[in-house]
PDB file of all heavy atoms in Angstrom:
ATOM      1  N   ALA A   1     -28.987  -3.412 -17.122  1.00  0.00           N
ATOM      2  CA  ALA A   1     -28.471  -4.736 -16.669  1.00  0.00           C
ATOM      3  C   ALA A   1     -29.612  -5.709 -16.392  1.00  0.00           C
ATOM      4  O   ALA A   1     -29.439  -6.904 -16.513  1.00  0.00           O
ATOM      5  CB  ALA A   1     -27.601  -4.564 -15.430  1.00  0.00           C
ATOM      6  N   ASP A   2     -30.771  -5.162 -16.022  1.00  0.00           N
ATOM      7  CA  ASP A   2     -31.893  -6.060 -15.709  1.00  0.00           C
ATOM      8  C   ASP A   2     -32.705  -6.482 -16.951  1.00  0.00           C
ATOM      9  O   ASP A   2     -33.777  -7.132 -16.788  1.00  0.00           O
ATOM     10  CB  ASP A   2     -32.797  -5.398 -14.671  1.00  0.00           C
ATOM     11  CG  ASP A   2     -33.432  -4.064 -15.207  1.00  0.00           C
ATOM     12  OD1 ASP A   2     -33.211  -3.733 -16.388  1.00  0.00           O
ATOM     13  OD2 ASP A   2     -34.156  -3.412 -14.445  1.00  0.00           O
ATOM     14  N   GLY A   3     -32.213  -6.113 -18.118  1.00  0.00           N
ATOM     15  CA  GLY A   3     -32.956  -6.480 -19.320  1.00  0.00           C
ATOM     16  C   GLY A   3     -33.897  -5.424 -19.818  1.00  0.00           C
ATOM     17  O   GLY A   3     -34.462  -5.572 -20.906  1.00  0.00           O
ATOM     18  N   GLY A   4     -34.095  -4.378 -19.010  1.00  0.00           N
ATOM     19  CA  GLY A   4     -34.991  -3.316 -19.453  1.00  0.00           C
ATOM     20  C   GLY A   4     -34.201  -2.239 -20.210  1.00  0.00           C
ATOM     21  O   GLY A   4     -33.082  -2.482 -20.680  1.00  0.00           O
ATOM     22  N   PHE A   5     -34.785  -1.029 -20.265  1.00  0.00           N
ATOM     23  CA  PHE A   5     -34.116   0.041 -20.996  1.00  0.00           C
ATOM     24  C   PHE A   5     -34.240   1.345 -20.227  1.00  0.00           C
ATOM     25  O   PHE A   5     -35.203   1.593 -19.502  1.00  0.00           O
ATOM     26  CB  PHE A   5     -34.819   0.197 -22.373  1.00  0.00           C
ATOM     27  CG  PHE A   5     -34.659  -0.965 -23.298  1.00  0.00           C
ATOM     28  CD1 PHE A   5     -35.575  -2.002 -23.266  1.00  0.00           C
ATOM     29  CD2 PHE A   5     -33.548  -1.094 -24.076  1.00  0.00           C
ATOM     30  CE1 PHE A   5     -35.447  -3.111 -24.040  1.00  0.00           C
ATOM     31  CE2 PHE A   5     -33.384  -2.240 -24.873  1.00  0.00           C
ATOM     32  CZ  PHE A   5     -34.290  -3.231 -24.829  1.00  0.00           C
ATOM     33  N   VAL A   6     -33.241   2.174 -20.339  1.00  0.00           N
ATOM     34  CA  VAL A   6     -33.116   3.451 -19.613  1.00  0.00           C
ATOM     35  C   VAL A   6     -33.198   4.587 -20.636  1.00  0.00           C
ATOM     36  O   VAL A   6     -32.360   4.693 -21.535  1.00  0.00           O
ATOM     37  CB  VAL A   6     -31.778   3.538 -18.866  1.00  0.00           C
ATOM     38  CG1 VAL A   6     -31.696   4.844 -18.086  1.00  0.00           C
ATOM     39  CG2 VAL A   6     -31.622   2.385 -17.879  1.00  0.00           C
ATOM     40  N   MET A   7     -34.243   5.431 -20.467  1.00  0.00           N
ATOM     41  CA  MET A   7     -34.411   6.503 -21.454  1.00  0.00           C
ATOM     42  C   MET A   7     -33.346   7.577 -21.297  1.00  0.00           C
ATOM     43  O   MET A   7     -32.996   7.957 -20.195  1.00  0.00           O
ATOM     44  CB  MET A   7     -35.804   7.096 -21.260  1.00  0.00           C
ATOM     45  CG  MET A   7     -36.125   8.097 -22.334  1.00  0.00           C
ATOM     46  SD  MET A   7     -37.877   8.677 -22.226  1.00  0.00           S
ATOM     47  CE  MET A   7     -37.890   9.982 -23.424  1.00  0.00           C
ATOM     48  N   LEU A   8     -32.796   8.030 -22.467  1.00  0.00           N
ATOM     49  CA  LEU A   8     -31.733   9.019 -22.478  1.00  0.00           C
ATOM     50  C   LEU A   8     -32.117  10.319 -23.099  1.00  0.00           C
ATOM     51  O   LEU A   8     -31.332  11.267 -23.058  1.00  0.00           O
ATOM     52  CB  LEU A   8     -30.529   8.432 -23.196  1.00  0.00           C
ATOM     53  CG  LEU A   8     -29.777   7.264 -22.535  1.00  0.00           C
ATOM     54  CD1 LEU A   8     -28.755   6.709 -23.509  1.00  0.00           C
ATOM     55  CD2 LEU A   8     -29.090   7.754 -21.269  1.00  0.00           C
ATOM     56  N   GLY A   9     -33.283  10.397 -23.701  1.00  0.00           N
ATOM     57  CA  GLY A   9     -33.677  11.652 -24.313  1.00  0.00           C
ATOM     58  C   GLY A   9     -34.601  11.426 -25.491  1.00  0.00           C
ATOM     59  O   GLY A   9     -35.020  10.273 -25.757  1.00  0.00           O
ATOM     60  N   LYS A  10     -34.800  12.496 -26.265  1.00  0.00           N
ATOM     61  CA  LYS A  10     -35.672  12.460 -27.436  1.00  0.00           C
ATOM     62  C   LYS A  10     -34.961  13.183 -28.570  1.00  0.00           C
ATOM     63  O   LYS A  10     -34.100  13.987 -28.416  1.00  0.00           O
ATOM     64  CB  LYS A  10     -36.986  13.183 -27.165  1.00  0.00           C
ATOM     65  CG  LYS A  10     -37.732  12.758 -25.925  1.00  0.00           C
ATOM     66  CD  LYS A  10     -38.971  13.605 -25.748  1.00  0.00           C
ATOM     67  CE  LYS A  10     -39.688  13.316 -24.443  1.00  0.00           C
ATOM     68  NZ  LYS A  10     -40.903  14.177 -24.276  1.00  0.00           N
ATOM     69  N   THR A  11     -35.383  12.834 -29.811  1.00  0.00           N
ATOM     70  CA  THR A  11     -34.911  13.561 -30.961  1.00  0.00           C
ATOM     71  C   THR A  11     -35.871  13.413 -32.172  1.00  0.00           C
ATOM     72  O   THR A  11     -36.443  12.338 -32.294  1.00  0.00           O
ATOM     73  CB  THR A  11     -33.509  13.225 -31.407  1.00  0.00           C
ATOM     74  OG1 THR A  11     -33.056  14.136 -32.396  1.00  0.00           O
ATOM     75  CG2 THR A  11     -33.405  11.811 -31.978  1.00  0.00           C
ATOM     76  N   PHE A  12     -36.009  14.450 -32.945  1.00  0.00           N
ATOM     77  CA  PHE A  12     -36.680  14.355 -34.270  1.00  0.00           C
ATOM     78  C   PHE A  12     -35.702  14.821 -35.373  1.00  0.00           C
ATOM     79  O   PHE A  12     -36.103  14.974 -36.521  1.00  0.00           O
ATOM     80  CB  PHE A  12     -37.953  15.214 -34.290  1.00  0.00           C
ATOM     81  CG  PHE A  12     -37.799  16.592 -33.882  1.00  0.00           C
ATOM     82  CD1 PHE A  12     -37.232  17.506 -34.763  1.00  0.00           C
ATOM     83  CD2 PHE A  12     -38.167  17.043 -32.611  1.00  0.00           C
ATOM     84  CE1 PHE A  12     -37.036  18.869 -34.382  1.00  0.00           C
ATOM     85  CE2 PHE A  12     -37.991  18.364 -32.237  1.00  0.00           C
ATOM     86  CZ  PHE A  12     -37.454  19.248 -33.110  1.00  0.00           C
ATOM     87  N   LYS A  13     -34.477  15.117 -34.969  1.00  0.00           N
ATOM     88  CA  LYS A  13     -33.459  15.590 -35.934  1.00  0.00           C
ATOM     89  C   LYS A  13     -32.940  14.485 -36.843  1.00  0.00           C
ATOM     90  O   LYS A  13     -32.837  13.316 -36.446  1.00  0.00           O
ATOM     91  CB  LYS A  13     -32.296  16.201 -35.175  1.00  0.00           C
ATOM     92  CG  LYS A  13     -32.640  17.296 -34.202  1.00  0.00           C
ATOM     93  CD  LYS A  13     -33.088  18.550 -34.891  1.00  0.00           C
ATOM     94  CE  LYS A  13     -33.268  19.690 -33.867  1.00  0.00           C
ATOM     95  NZ  LYS A  13     -33.769  20.900 -34.525  1.00  0.00           N
ATOM     96  N   GLY A  14     -32.657  14.855 -38.046  1.00  0.00           N
ATOM     97  CA  GLY A  14     -32.029  13.938 -39.019  1.00  0.00           C
ATOM     98  C   GLY A  14     -32.994  13.033 -39.767  1.00  0.00           C
ATOM     99  O   GLY A  14     -32.555  12.181 -40.520  1.00  0.00           O
ATOM    100  N   LEU A  15     -34.274  13.203 -39.572  1.00  0.00           N
ATOM    101  CA  LEU A  15     -35.272  12.371 -40.193  1.00  0.00           C
ATOM    102  C   LEU A  15     -35.728  12.913 -41.525  1.00  0.00           C
ATOM    103  O   LEU A  15     -36.274  13.973 -41.608  1.00  0.00           O
ATOM    104  CB  LEU A  15     -36.501  12.171 -39.250  1.00  0.00           C
ATOM    105  CG  LEU A  15     -36.208  11.476 -37.923  1.00  0.00           C
ATOM    106  CD1 LEU A  15     -37.414  11.650 -36.983  1.00  0.00           C
ATOM    107  CD2 LEU A  15     -35.934  10.019 -38.167  1.00  0.00           C
ATOM    108  N   THR A  16     -35.484  12.136 -42.599  1.00  0.00           N
ATOM    109  CA  THR A  16     -36.001  12.501 -43.918  1.00  0.00           C
ATOM    110  C   THR A  16     -37.498  12.134 -43.969  1.00  0.00           C
ATOM    111  O   THR A  16     -38.020  11.413 -43.155  1.00  0.00           O
ATOM    112  CB  THR A  16     -35.256  11.795 -45.003  1.00  0.00           C
ATOM    113  OG1 THR A  16     -35.461  10.416 -44.893  1.00  0.00           O
ATOM    114  CG2 THR A  16     -33.740  12.076 -44.897  1.00  0.00           C
ATOM    115  N   ASP A  17     -38.131  12.662 -45.012  1.00  0.00           N
ATOM    116  CA  ASP A  17     -39.567  12.282 -45.218  1.00  0.00           C
ATOM    117  C   ASP A  17     -39.705  10.768 -45.406  1.00  0.00           C
ATOM    118  O   ASP A  17     -40.646  10.157 -44.866  1.00  0.00           O
ATOM    119  CB  ASP A  17     -40.136  13.015 -46.430  1.00  0.00           C
ATOM    120  CG  ASP A  17     -40.415  14.466 -46.151  1.00  0.00           C
ATOM    121  OD1 ASP A  17     -40.457  14.843 -44.947  1.00  0.00           O
ATOM    122  OD2 ASP A  17     -40.578  15.222 -47.085  1.00  0.00           O
ATOM    123  N   ALA A  18     -38.776  10.171 -46.144  1.00  0.00           N
ATOM    124  CA  ALA A  18     -38.843   8.722 -46.358  1.00  0.00           C
ATOM    125  C   ALA A  18     -38.698   7.962 -45.055  1.00  0.00           C
ATOM    126  O   ALA A  18     -39.398   7.005 -44.790  1.00  0.00           O
ATOM    127  CB  ALA A  18     -37.754   8.300 -47.343  1.00  0.00           C
ATOM    128  N   THR A  19     -37.777   8.417 -44.180  1.00  0.00           N
ATOM    129  CA  THR A  19     -37.557   7.788 -42.936  1.00  0.00           C
ATOM    130  C   THR A  19     -38.759   7.927 -42.013  1.00  0.00           C
ATOM    131  O   THR A  19     -39.164   7.025 -41.302  1.00  0.00           O
ATOM    132  CB  THR A  19     -36.314   8.336 -42.200  1.00  0.00           C
ATOM    133  OG1 THR A  19     -35.156   8.143 -43.084  1.00  0.00           O
ATOM    134  CG2 THR A  19     -36.014   7.617 -40.880  1.00  0.00           C
ATOM    135  N   LEU A  20     -39.355   9.133 -42.029  1.00  0.00           N
ATOM    136  CA  LEU A  20     -40.589   9.397 -41.261  1.00  0.00           C
ATOM    137  C   LEU A  20     -41.669   8.445 -41.617  1.00  0.00           C
ATOM    138  O   LEU A  20     -42.352   7.851 -40.780  1.00  0.00           O
ATOM    139  CB  LEU A  20     -41.006  10.825 -41.451  1.00  0.00           C
ATOM    140  CG  LEU A  20     -40.276  11.899 -40.620  1.00  0.00           C
ATOM    141  CD1 LEU A  20     -40.645  13.262 -41.139  1.00  0.00           C
ATOM    142  CD2 LEU A  20     -40.639  11.815 -39.152  1.00  0.00           C
ATOM    143  N   ASP A  21     -41.890   8.226 -42.939  1.00  0.00           N
ATOM    144  CA  ASP A  21     -42.928   7.328 -43.401  1.00  0.00           C
ATOM    145  C   ASP A  21     -42.632   5.878 -42.962  1.00  0.00           C
ATOM    146  O   ASP A  21     -43.521   5.182 -42.450  1.00  0.00           O
ATOM    147  CB  ASP A  21     -43.046   7.407 -44.922  1.00  0.00           C
ATOM    148  CG  ASP A  21     -43.623   8.742 -45.409  1.00  0.00           C
ATOM    149  OD1 ASP A  21     -44.332   9.371 -44.591  1.00  0.00           O
ATOM    150  OD2 ASP A  21     -43.407   9.092 -46.553  1.00  0.00           O
ATOM    151  N   TRP A  22     -41.362   5.465 -43.123  1.00  0.00           N
ATOM    152  CA  TRP A  22     -40.969   4.117 -42.781  1.00  0.00           C
ATOM    153  C   TRP A  22     -41.106   3.867 -41.325  1.00  0.00           C
ATOM    154  O   TRP A  22     -41.708   2.861 -40.843  1.00  0.00           O
ATOM    155  CB  TRP A  22     -39.557   3.851 -43.230  1.00  0.00           C
ATOM    156  CG  TRP A  22     -39.054   2.476 -42.925  1.00  0.00           C
ATOM    157  CD1 TRP A  22     -39.196   1.360 -43.692  1.00  0.00           C
ATOM    158  CD2 TRP A  22     -38.340   2.050 -41.756  1.00  0.00           C
ATOM    159  NE1 TRP A  22     -38.612   0.237 -43.080  1.00  0.00           N
ATOM    160  CE2 TRP A  22     -38.093   0.686 -41.867  1.00  0.00           C
ATOM    161  CE3 TRP A  22     -37.936   2.712 -40.572  1.00  0.00           C
ATOM    162  CZ2 TRP A  22     -37.449  -0.057 -40.877  1.00  0.00           C
ATOM    163  CZ3 TRP A  22     -37.289   1.979 -39.587  1.00  0.00           C
ATOM    164  CH2 TRP A  22     -37.054   0.590 -39.759  1.00  0.00           C
ATOM    165  N   GLN A  23     -40.596   4.819 -40.448  1.00  0.00           N
ATOM    166  CA  GLN A  23     -40.651   4.569 -39.013  1.00  0.00           C
ATOM    167  C   GLN A  23     -42.095   4.624 -38.512  1.00  0.00           C
ATOM    168  O   GLN A  23     -42.409   3.937 -37.537  1.00  0.00           O
ATOM    169  CB  GLN A  23     -39.733   5.558 -38.297  1.00  0.00           C
ATOM    170  CG  GLN A  23     -40.287   6.923 -38.064  1.00  0.00           C
ATOM    171  CD  GLN A  23     -39.293   7.774 -37.251  1.00  0.00           C
ATOM    172  OE1 GLN A  23     -38.124   7.527 -37.157  1.00  0.00           O
ATOM    173  NE2 GLN A  23     -39.796   8.873 -36.670  1.00  0.00           N
ATOM    174  N   THR A  24     -42.956   5.442 -39.111  1.00  0.00           N
ATOM    175  CA  THR A  24     -44.360   5.474 -38.672  1.00  0.00           C
ATOM    176  C   THR A  24     -44.981   4.128 -38.882  1.00  0.00           C
ATOM    177  O   THR A  24     -45.682   3.584 -37.973  1.00  0.00           O
ATOM    178  CB  THR A  24     -45.121   6.571 -39.455  1.00  0.00           C
ATOM    179  OG1 THR A  24     -44.543   7.824 -39.189  1.00  0.00           O
ATOM    180  CG2 THR A  24     -46.604   6.595 -39.056  1.00  0.00           C
ATOM    181  N   ASP A  25     -44.785   3.544 -40.055  1.00  0.00           N
ATOM    182  CA  ASP A  25     -45.324   2.194 -40.261  1.00  0.00           C
ATOM    183  C   ASP A  25     -44.763   1.170 -39.329  1.00  0.00           C
ATOM    184  O   ASP A  25     -45.509   0.365 -38.717  1.00  0.00           O
ATOM    185  CB  ASP A  25     -45.037   1.765 -41.742  1.00  0.00           C
ATOM    186  CG  ASP A  25     -45.795   2.577 -42.774  1.00  0.00           C
ATOM    187  OD1 ASP A  25     -46.837   3.165 -42.415  1.00  0.00           O
ATOM    188  OD2 ASP A  25     -45.318   2.597 -43.918  1.00  0.00           O
ATOM    189  N   GLN A  26     -43.482   1.190 -39.123  1.00  0.00           N
ATOM    190  CA  GLN A  26     -42.811   0.221 -38.244  1.00  0.00           C
ATOM    191  C   GLN A  26     -43.275   0.396 -36.824  1.00  0.00           C
ATOM    192  O   GLN A  26     -43.495  -0.635 -36.104  1.00  0.00           O
ATOM    193  CB  GLN A  26     -41.305   0.342 -38.359  1.00  0.00           C
ATOM    194  CG  GLN A  26     -40.743  -0.006 -39.747  1.00  0.00           C
ATOM    195  CD  GLN A  26     -40.872  -1.440 -40.088  1.00  0.00           C
ATOM    196  OE1 GLN A  26     -40.674  -2.330 -39.171  1.00  0.00           O
ATOM    197  NE2 GLN A  26     -41.218  -1.781 -41.272  1.00  0.00           N
ATOM    198  N   LEU A  27     -43.349   1.609 -36.317  1.00  0.00           N
ATOM    199  CA  LEU A  27     -43.718   1.835 -34.907  1.00  0.00           C
ATOM    200  C   LEU A  27     -45.155   1.547 -34.670  1.00  0.00           C
ATOM    201  O   LEU A  27     -45.526   1.052 -33.580  1.00  0.00           O
ATOM    202  CB  LEU A  27     -43.308   3.289 -34.537  1.00  0.00           C
ATOM    203  CG  LEU A  27     -41.858   3.577 -34.526  1.00  0.00           C
ATOM    204  CD1 LEU A  27     -41.602   5.064 -34.269  1.00  0.00           C
ATOM    205  CD2 LEU A  27     -41.129   2.761 -33.457  1.00  0.00           C
ATOM    206  N   ARG A  28     -46.006   1.850 -35.653  1.00  0.00           N
ATOM    207  CA  ARG A  28     -47.427   1.533 -35.438  1.00  0.00           C
ATOM    208  C   ARG A  28     -47.632   0.030 -35.315  1.00  0.00           C
ATOM    209  O   ARG A  28     -48.504  -0.424 -34.532  1.00  0.00           O
ATOM    210  CB  ARG A  28     -48.253   2.092 -36.562  1.00  0.00           C
ATOM    211  CG  ARG A  28     -48.305   3.651 -36.572  1.00  0.00           C
ATOM    212  CD  ARG A  28     -49.169   4.148 -37.634  1.00  0.00           C
ATOM    213  NE  ARG A  28     -50.615   3.921 -37.403  1.00  0.00           N
ATOM    214  CZ  ARG A  28     -51.621   4.333 -38.152  1.00  0.00           C
ATOM    215  NH1 ARG A  28     -51.323   5.033 -39.266  1.00  0.00           N
ATOM    216  NH2 ARG A  28     -52.833   4.033 -37.876  1.00  0.00           N
ATOM    217  N   GLU A  29     -46.839  -0.791 -36.053  1.00  0.00           N
ATOM    218  CA  GLU A  29     -46.945  -2.189 -35.950  1.00  0.00           C
ATOM    219  C   GLU A  29     -46.541  -2.731 -34.536  1.00  0.00           C
ATOM    220  O   GLU A  29     -46.938  -3.760 -34.115  1.00  0.00           O
ATOM    221  CB  GLU A  29     -46.051  -2.886 -36.988  1.00  0.00           C
ATOM    222  CG  GLU A  29     -46.538  -2.709 -38.417  1.00  0.00           C
ATOM    223  CD  GLU A  29     -45.606  -3.366 -39.420  1.00  0.00           C
ATOM    224  OE1 GLU A  29     -44.618  -4.050 -38.942  1.00  0.00           O
ATOM    225  OE2 GLU A  29     -45.793  -3.254 -40.619  1.00  0.00           O
ATOM    226  N   ARG A  30     -45.677  -1.910 -33.894  1.00  0.00           N
ATOM    227  CA  ARG A  30     -45.184  -2.316 -32.546  1.00  0.00           C
ATOM    228  C   ARG A  30     -45.838  -1.591 -31.421  1.00  0.00           C
ATOM    229  O   ARG A  30     -45.422  -1.676 -30.277  1.00  0.00           O
ATOM    230  CB  ARG A  30     -43.662  -2.066 -32.561  1.00  0.00           C
ATOM    231  CG  ARG A  30     -42.883  -2.960 -33.498  1.00  0.00           C
ATOM    232  CD  ARG A  30     -41.445  -2.440 -33.695  1.00  0.00           C
ATOM    233  NE  ARG A  30     -40.615  -3.400 -34.430  1.00  0.00           N
ATOM    234  CZ  ARG A  30     -40.608  -3.510 -35.736  1.00  0.00           C
ATOM    235  NH1 ARG A  30     -41.429  -2.724 -36.474  1.00  0.00           N
ATOM    236  NH2 ARG A  30     -39.875  -4.387 -36.358  1.00  0.00           N
ATOM    237  N   ALA A  31     -46.916  -0.787 -31.725  1.00  0.00           N
ATOM    238  CA  ALA A  31     -47.528   0.036 -30.685  1.00  0.00           C
ATOM    239  C   ALA A  31     -48.199  -0.798 -29.622  1.00  0.00           C
ATOM    240  O   ALA A  31     -48.842  -1.812 -29.928  1.00  0.00           O
ATOM    241  CB  ALA A  31     -48.517   0.995 -31.305  1.00  0.00           C
ATOM    242  N   VAL A  32     -48.046  -0.425 -28.359  1.00  0.00           N
ATOM    243  CA  VAL A  32     -48.721  -1.047 -27.230  1.00  0.00           C
ATOM    244  C   VAL A  32     -49.671  -0.080 -26.543  1.00  0.00           C
ATOM    245  O   VAL A  32     -50.503  -0.503 -25.728  1.00  0.00           O
ATOM    246  CB  VAL A  32     -47.766  -1.651 -26.242  1.00  0.00           C
ATOM    247  CG1 VAL A  32     -46.942  -2.780 -26.924  1.00  0.00           C
ATOM    248  CG2 VAL A  32     -46.804  -0.601 -25.658  1.00  0.00           C
ATOM    249  N   ALA A  33     -49.492   1.219 -26.808  1.00  0.00           N
ATOM    250  CA  ALA A  33     -50.343   2.243 -26.184  1.00  0.00           C
ATOM    251  C   ALA A  33     -50.326   3.547 -27.014  1.00  0.00           C
ATOM    252  O   ALA A  33     -49.246   3.818 -27.596  1.00  0.00           O
ATOM    253  CB  ALA A  33     -49.990   2.491 -24.756  1.00  0.00           C
ATOM    254  N   ASP A  34     -51.380   4.305 -27.058  1.00  0.00           N
ATOM    255  CA  ASP A  34     -51.430   5.556 -27.770  1.00  0.00           C
ATOM    256  C   ASP A  34     -52.372   6.503 -27.048  1.00  0.00           C
ATOM    257  O   ASP A  34     -53.608   6.211 -27.064  1.00  0.00           O
ATOM    258  CB  ASP A  34     -51.888   5.335 -29.228  1.00  0.00           C
ATOM    259  CG  ASP A  34     -51.923   6.567 -30.055  1.00  0.00           C
ATOM    260  OD1 ASP A  34     -51.690   7.676 -29.479  1.00  0.00           O
ATOM    261  OD2 ASP A  34     -52.129   6.459 -31.285  1.00  0.00           O
TER     262      ASP A  34
END
C-alpha cells in the first residue's frame, strides 16, 4: 500500500534457456547492487 514491494519467495522453475538469457540482460540493465 505504501508503494513499495513485499517479498513472497523465490523461484528458478519454468525458465527456458532463452528466458534465462533474456532476463539476465534485462536484470543487469536494472541492477543497483551485486
